[in-house]
């Protein structure tokens, strides 16, 4: 299993760069950021600095969307970074959440997400593509390589991830829900004539290493609110009795509203509806041994990467605990079986 960290690009930007450097020093292979240009600083500018000050980590958004940036501009950013720093980027993409809703917009259609995935991937891999009736390519790009991973919760988005994504991003760490969603993506890939084993499966969730359970829950409750925004869309489209696991849909019944100005922040005042049980299921909280046990469960489902949402008050200690204890335990397990 590989490991990543998900950062917010809060000012000062150098703090984000510093955390990325620290993550690499502790053995993390991926550095992701939110991509909401109004709520936080512009991530792609910061990626350039992260790449220039690190040696190994792959960087990318978790996640961008087809609405707020022209697809060719997104592709050009990745291709440029790859030409500069040697193919150390990945593109996570979804239908859109905070980046579009904060301006009273709506998530794009799954069709648009699929088409954007194709255009971005072709251009950033130095290939020609049809776009708005023209055949285009980057004449200056010759070595860039990029994978596009699709973030999804609902049935149609999961189907798209299996059919056209290079990877699947699941933003929660509930084992039962992960099992259902991973199987849905793998089935879609197989039905499309693809080998599911060629896809990368990434689970991302807040991880807090500590012993004060009440405090860790309060620092991570925001995540249930963030996921709830996507779940509300699923319930509105498919109803509460859809094939989506009730463990994912039932908890939003008490949801009354959401303020995107507090999106992704510990202490978010609009997440009181999220019960402790959901925080515990969606996140990784507790001692290193407790983290290791849950990660082994996720790995057994076929999860290739776990990425730590680091939006809490224990950033450095959590990175240290992962680097010194948790990451080696997952890698030692692989070595012991080989």
Protein backbone atom coordinates (compact mmCIF):
# COMPACT_ATOMS: atom_id res chain seq x y z
CA UNK A 1 0.00 0.00 0.00
CA UNK A 2 1.19 3.49 -0.87
CA UNK A 3 0.44 6.58 1.18
CA UNK A 4 -0.51 10.15 0.40
CA UNK A 5 -1.43 13.29 2.29
CA UNK A 6 -4.21 15.75 1.40
CA UNK A 7 -3.51 19.40 2.24
CA UNK A 8 -5.46 22.62 2.01
CA UNK A 9 -3.65 25.52 0.37
CA UNK A 10 -4.25 27.90 3.25
CA UNK A 11 -1.88 30.88 3.43
CA UNK A 12 0.97 31.12 3.84
CA UNK A 13 1.72 28.99 0.79
CA UNK A 14 5.15 28.08 2.16
CA UNK A 15 3.44 26.26 5.03
CA UNK A 16 1.81 23.95 2.47
CA UNK A 17 5.17 23.43 0.79
CA UNK A 18 6.78 22.71 4.16
CA UNK A 19 4.15 20.09 5.02
CA UNK A 20 4.70 18.46 1.62
CA UNK A 21 8.43 18.28 2.29
CA UNK A 22 7.78 16.78 5.72
CA UNK A 23 5.40 14.22 4.22
CA UNK A 24 8.06 13.10 1.75
CA UNK A 25 10.62 12.83 4.56
CA UNK A 26 8.23 10.51 6.42
CA UNK A 27 7.77 8.20 3.43
CA UNK A 28 4.57 9.48 1.84
CA UNK A 29 4.55 9.11 -1.96
CA UNK A 30 1.68 11.45 -2.89
CA UNK A 31 0.80 15.02 -1.96
CA UNK A 32 -2.73 16.06 -2.85
CA UNK A 33 -4.55 19.36 -2.28
CA UNK A 34 -8.09 20.65 -2.39
CA UNK A 35 -8.88 22.60 -5.59
CA UNK A 36 -11.22 25.46 -4.68
CA UNK A 37 -9.61 28.66 -5.87
CA UNK A 38 -11.93 30.97 -3.91
CA UNK A 39 -11.77 29.20 -0.56
CA UNK A 40 -8.01 28.60 -0.65
CA UNK A 41 -4.96 29.69 -2.60
CA UNK A 42 -4.40 28.57 -6.19
CA UNK A 43 -2.96 25.04 -5.91
CA UNK A 44 -1.21 24.69 -9.27
CA UNK A 45 1.19 27.53 -8.50
CA UNK A 46 2.03 25.83 -5.23
CA UNK A 47 2.56 22.46 -6.96
CA UNK A 48 5.48 23.94 -8.84
CA UNK A 49 7.17 24.89 -5.59
CA UNK A 50 6.43 21.52 -3.97
CA UNK A 51 7.94 19.70 -6.95
CA UNK A 52 11.02 21.93 -6.96
CA UNK A 53 11.69 21.28 -3.25
CA UNK A 54 11.02 17.53 -3.19
CA UNK A 55 12.48 14.55 -5.03
CA UNK A 56 9.89 11.77 -5.17
CA UNK A 57 6.34 12.79 -4.31
CA UNK A 58 3.63 12.91 -6.96
CA UNK A 59 1.30 15.90 -6.69
CA UNK A 60 -2.23 16.58 -7.82
CA UNK A 61 -5.71 17.83 -6.89
CA UNK A 62 -8.18 15.87 -4.79
CA UNK A 63 -10.12 16.83 -6.73
CA UNK A 64 -10.49 19.21 -9.67
CA UNK A 65 -13.64 19.41 -11.79
CA UNK A 66 -14.70 20.09 -15.40
CA UNK A 67 -16.51 23.35 -14.62
CA UNK A 68 -14.14 25.92 -13.12
CA UNK A 69 -11.21 25.47 -15.52
CA UNK A 70 -11.13 24.98 -19.26
CA UNK A 71 -10.12 21.36 -19.86
CA UNK A 72 -7.25 22.34 -22.14
CA UNK A 73 -5.87 24.71 -19.49
CA UNK A 74 -5.96 21.92 -16.90
CA UNK A 75 -4.15 19.60 -19.30
CA UNK A 76 -1.56 22.26 -20.09
CA UNK A 77 -0.77 22.78 -16.41
CA UNK A 78 -0.10 19.08 -15.88
CA UNK A 79 1.89 18.71 -19.08
CA UNK A 80 4.02 21.74 -18.20
CA UNK A 81 4.73 20.45 -14.68
CA UNK A 82 5.60 17.03 -16.07
CA UNK A 83 7.97 18.48 -18.67
CA UNK A 84 9.64 20.52 -15.91
CA UNK A 85 9.83 17.93 -13.13
CA UNK A 86 9.66 14.51 -14.78
CA UNK A 87 6.12 13.10 -14.69
CA UNK A 88 5.35 13.59 -11.02
CA UNK A 89 1.70 14.63 -11.29
CA UNK A 90 -1.68 12.91 -11.12
CA UNK A 91 -5.11 14.38 -11.82
CA UNK A 92 -7.96 13.58 -9.48
CA UNK A 93 -11.28 14.73 -10.95
CA UNK A 94 -14.92 14.70 -9.91
CA UNK A 95 -18.17 16.40 -10.83
CA UNK A 96 -17.44 19.40 -8.60
CA UNK A 97 -18.32 20.37 -5.04
CA UNK A 98 -16.94 23.36 -3.14
CA UNK A 99 -15.30 24.95 -6.19
CA UNK A 100 -18.66 25.24 -7.97
CA UNK A 101 -21.15 25.47 -5.12
CA UNK A 102 -19.46 28.44 -3.46
CA UNK A 103 -20.45 30.50 -6.53
CA UNK A 104 -23.99 29.02 -6.50
CA UNK A 105 -23.11 26.67 -9.31
CA UNK A 106 -23.91 22.97 -9.59
CA UNK A 107 -21.82 19.87 -10.12
CA UNK A 108 -21.36 18.93 -13.76
CA UNK A 109 -22.94 15.91 -15.36
CA UNK A 110 -21.22 12.55 -15.30
CA UNK A 111 -21.04 12.82 -19.09
CA UNK A 112 -19.04 16.05 -18.86
CA UNK A 113 -16.73 14.47 -16.29
CA UNK A 114 -16.13 11.53 -18.61
CA UNK A 115 -15.39 13.77 -21.57
CA UNK A 116 -13.11 16.03 -19.53
CA UNK A 117 -11.21 12.97 -18.32
CA UNK A 118 -10.58 11.96 -21.92
CA UNK A 119 -9.51 15.41 -23.15
CA UNK A 120 -7.22 16.13 -20.20
CA UNK A 121 -5.59 12.70 -20.36
CA UNK A 122 -4.99 12.73 -24.12
CA UNK A 123 -3.47 16.20 -24.20
CA UNK A 124 -1.34 15.67 -21.09
CA UNK A 125 -0.02 12.44 -22.61
CA UNK A 126 1.18 14.28 -25.73
CA UNK A 127 -1.63 12.94 -27.91
CA UNK A 128 -4.06 14.73 -30.22
CA UNK A 129 -7.73 14.96 -29.24
CA UNK A 130 -10.99 16.30 -30.65
CA UNK A 131 -12.17 19.36 -28.73
CA UNK A 132 -14.99 21.71 -29.75
CA UNK A 133 -14.81 20.50 -33.32
CA UNK A 134 -11.05 20.86 -33.70
CA UNK A 135 -8.18 18.39 -33.48
CA UNK A 136 -5.64 19.81 -31.03
CA UNK A 137 -2.44 18.78 -29.29
CA UNK A 138 0.42 20.45 -27.43
CA UNK A 139 3.26 20.84 -29.96
CA UNK A 140 5.71 21.56 -27.13
CA UNK A 141 4.94 18.44 -25.05
CA UNK A 142 7.00 15.35 -25.80
CA UNK A 143 7.59 13.48 -22.52
CA UNK A 144 4.54 14.21 -20.34
CA UNK A 145 2.58 11.27 -18.91
CA UNK A 146 -0.54 11.67 -16.77
CA UNK A 147 -3.10 9.41 -15.13
CA UNK A 148 -6.61 10.70 -14.36
CA UNK A 149 -8.34 9.20 -11.33
CA UNK A 150 -12.09 9.68 -10.86
CA UNK A 151 -13.64 10.49 -7.48
CA UNK A 152 -17.15 9.07 -7.16
CA UNK A 153 -19.95 8.04 -4.80
CA UNK A 154 -23.10 7.56 -6.91
CA UNK A 155 -23.85 4.61 -9.23
CA UNK A 156 -23.32 6.46 -12.54
CA UNK A 157 -20.10 8.12 -11.37
CA UNK A 158 -18.79 4.79 -10.08
CA UNK A 159 -19.60 3.26 -13.47
CA UNK A 160 -17.65 6.05 -15.18
CA UNK A 161 -14.67 5.49 -12.89
CA UNK A 162 -14.54 1.84 -13.91
CA UNK A 163 -15.06 2.51 -17.60
CA UNK A 164 -12.72 5.48 -18.22
CA UNK A 165 -10.67 6.25 -15.11
CA UNK A 166 -7.05 5.27 -14.55
CA UNK A 167 -7.94 5.10 -10.88
CA UNK A 168 -10.80 5.49 -8.42
CA UNK A 169 -10.79 7.86 -5.45
CA UNK A 170 -13.13 7.09 -2.55
CA UNK A 171 -13.25 9.88 0.00
CA UNK A 172 -14.17 7.91 3.11
CA UNK A 173 -12.65 4.95 4.94
CA UNK A 174 -15.71 2.92 5.93
CA UNK A 175 -14.79 -0.69 5.19
CA UNK A 176 -18.31 -1.86 4.29
CA UNK A 177 -19.00 1.07 1.97
CA UNK A 178 -15.55 0.77 0.42
CA UNK A 179 -16.19 -2.90 -0.32
CA UNK A 180 -19.43 -2.09 -2.17
CA UNK A 181 -17.99 0.84 -4.13
CA UNK A 182 -14.76 -0.89 -5.14
CA UNK A 183 -16.73 -3.87 -6.37
CA UNK A 184 -19.01 -1.54 -8.38
CA UNK A 185 -15.99 0.07 -10.05
CA UNK A 186 -14.33 -3.27 -10.74
CA UNK A 187 -17.53 -4.66 -12.25
CA UNK A 188 -17.93 -1.60 -14.49
CA UNK A 189 -14.35 -1.99 -15.67
CA UNK A 190 -14.84 -5.68 -16.45
CA UNK A 191 -18.10 -5.02 -18.30
CA UNK A 192 -16.28 -2.43 -20.42
CA UNK A 193 -13.61 -4.95 -21.39
CA UNK A 194 -10.97 -3.50 -19.09
CA UNK A 195 -8.80 -5.34 -16.59
CA UNK A 196 -9.88 -4.02 -13.14
CA UNK A 197 -6.42 -4.79 -11.78
CA UNK A 198 -4.96 -2.04 -13.97
CA UNK A 199 -6.91 0.61 -12.03
CA UNK A 200 -5.52 2.23 -8.89
CA UNK A 201 -7.89 2.26 -5.91
CA UNK A 202 -7.31 5.15 -3.51
CA UNK A 203 -9.12 5.73 -0.22
CA UNK A 204 -8.78 9.16 1.39
CA UNK A 205 -10.01 10.17 4.85
CA UNK A 206 -8.98 12.15 7.91
CA UNK A 207 -6.46 10.29 10.04
CA UNK A 208 -5.63 11.45 13.55
CA UNK A 209 -3.14 9.58 15.73
CA UNK A 210 -3.90 10.05 19.42
CA UNK A 211 -5.79 8.80 22.46
CA UNK A 212 -8.38 11.52 23.22
CA UNK A 213 -11.31 10.05 21.30
CA UNK A 214 -13.72 12.94 21.88
CA UNK A 215 -11.19 15.50 20.68
CA UNK A 216 -10.21 13.48 17.63
CA UNK A 217 -13.88 13.13 16.67
CA UNK A 218 -14.51 16.86 17.01
CA UNK A 219 -11.46 17.61 14.88
CA UNK A 220 -12.67 15.22 12.16
CA UNK A 221 -16.47 15.72 12.18
CA UNK A 222 -16.22 18.21 9.30
CA UNK A 223 -15.49 15.29 6.98
CA UNK A 224 -18.91 13.73 7.50
CA UNK A 225 -20.41 17.07 6.51
CA UNK A 226 -18.31 17.23 3.35
CA UNK A 227 -19.28 13.71 2.33
CA UNK A 228 -22.88 14.55 3.19
CA UNK A 229 -23.00 17.11 0.38
CA UNK A 230 -22.37 14.36 -2.16
CA UNK A 231 -24.71 11.94 -0.42
CA UNK A 232 -27.52 14.51 -0.52
CA UNK A 233 -27.13 14.65 -4.31
CA UNK A 234 -27.32 10.85 -4.50
CA UNK A 235 -30.48 10.72 -2.38
CA UNK A 236 -32.08 13.50 -4.44
CA UNK A 237 -31.36 11.62 -7.66
CA UNK A 238 -31.90 7.99 -6.68
CA UNK A 239 -34.00 8.17 -3.51
CA UNK A 240 -33.23 6.88 -0.04
CA UNK A 241 -33.95 3.29 -1.08
CA UNK A 242 -31.42 3.05 -3.91
CA UNK A 243 -28.71 0.41 -4.16
CA UNK A 244 -26.29 2.75 -2.35
CA UNK A 245 -25.56 1.35 1.15
CA UNK A 246 -27.83 2.78 3.83
CA UNK A 247 -24.76 3.23 6.02
CA UNK A 248 -23.86 6.05 3.64
CA UNK A 249 -27.29 7.63 3.14
CA UNK A 250 -29.12 7.35 6.47
CA UNK A 251 -27.03 9.78 8.49
CA UNK A 252 -27.86 12.84 6.37
CA UNK A 253 -31.55 12.83 7.37
CA UNK A 254 -30.81 15.44 10.05
CA UNK A 255 -28.79 17.60 7.64
CA UNK A 256 -30.23 21.14 7.46
CA UNK A 257 -27.70 23.17 5.51
CA UNK A 258 -24.06 23.77 4.81
CA UNK A 259 -21.83 26.84 4.74
CA UNK A 260 -19.02 26.43 2.22
CA UNK A 261 -17.07 29.19 3.92
CA UNK A 262 -16.39 26.58 6.62
CA UNK A 263 -15.78 23.74 4.16
CA UNK A 264 -13.10 21.26 5.21
CA UNK A 265 -12.42 22.95 8.55
CA UNK A 266 -12.21 21.40 11.97
CA UNK A 267 -14.95 22.85 14.17
CA UNK A 268 -17.31 23.40 11.22
CA UNK A 269 -20.56 24.60 12.84
CA UNK A 270 -22.74 23.01 10.14
CA UNK A 271 -21.78 19.41 10.87
CA UNK A 272 -23.56 18.84 14.19
CA UNK A 273 -25.82 16.35 12.39
CA UNK A 274 -22.86 13.97 11.89
CA UNK A 275 -22.97 11.33 14.67
CA UNK A 276 -19.92 9.87 16.38
CA UNK A 277 -20.52 6.51 14.70
CA UNK A 278 -20.11 8.07 11.24
CA UNK A 279 -16.94 9.90 12.27
CA UNK A 280 -15.47 6.63 13.52
CA UNK A 281 -16.50 4.72 10.39
CA UNK A 282 -15.44 7.33 7.83
CA UNK A 283 -12.11 8.29 9.46
CA UNK A 284 -9.06 6.66 11.03
CA UNK A 285 -8.77 7.72 14.66
CA UNK A 286 -6.79 6.30 17.53
CA UNK A 287 -3.48 4.64 18.29
CA UNK A 288 -1.05 3.52 15.60
CA UNK A 289 -2.18 -0.09 16.13
CA UNK A 290 -5.80 0.93 15.49
CA UNK A 291 -4.81 2.70 12.27
CA UNK A 292 -2.79 -0.33 11.16
CA UNK A 293 -5.68 -2.72 11.79
CA UNK A 294 -8.14 -0.69 9.69
CA UNK A 295 -5.60 -0.16 6.91
CA UNK A 296 -5.09 -3.92 6.69
CA UNK A 297 -8.86 -4.29 6.22
CA UNK A 298 -8.84 -1.71 3.42
CA UNK A 299 -5.82 -3.30 1.80
CA UNK A 300 -7.60 -6.65 1.78
CA UNK A 301 -10.35 -5.01 -0.31
CA UNK A 302 -7.81 -4.03 -2.96
CA UNK A 303 -7.02 -0.49 -1.81
CA UNK A 304 -3.67 0.51 -3.34
CA UNK A 305 -3.26 3.89 -1.63
CA UNK A 306 -4.47 5.52 1.57
CA UNK A 307 -4.29 9.30 1.69
CA UNK A 308 -4.50 11.21 4.96
CA UNK A 309 -6.68 14.31 5.10
CA UNK A 310 -4.56 16.47 7.39
CA UNK A 311 -7.10 19.11 8.44
CA UNK A 312 -6.72 19.01 12.21
CA UNK A 313 -4.52 20.31 15.04
CA UNK A 314 -2.08 17.38 15.13
CA UNK A 315 -0.50 17.51 11.68
CA UNK A 316 3.17 16.97 12.43
CA UNK A 317 2.60 14.26 15.04
CA UNK A 318 0.29 12.33 12.73
CA UNK A 319 2.84 12.51 9.91
CA UNK A 320 5.55 11.32 12.31
CA UNK A 321 3.49 8.41 13.59
CA UNK A 322 2.69 7.33 10.06
CA UNK A 323 6.30 7.64 8.95
CA UNK A 324 7.83 5.84 11.92
CA UNK A 325 5.21 3.18 12.69
CA UNK A 326 2.16 2.88 10.44
CA UNK A 327 3.66 3.04 6.94
CA UNK A 328 6.47 0.57 7.80
CA UNK A 329 3.93 -1.85 9.28
CA UNK A 330 1.93 -1.98 6.03
CA UNK A 331 5.10 -2.34 3.95
CA UNK A 332 6.67 -4.91 6.27
CA UNK A 333 3.53 -7.02 5.90
CA UNK A 334 4.03 -7.08 2.14
CA UNK A 335 7.70 -8.00 2.51
CA UNK A 336 6.93 -10.78 4.98
CA UNK A 337 4.53 -12.43 2.52
CA UNK A 338 6.80 -12.12 -0.51
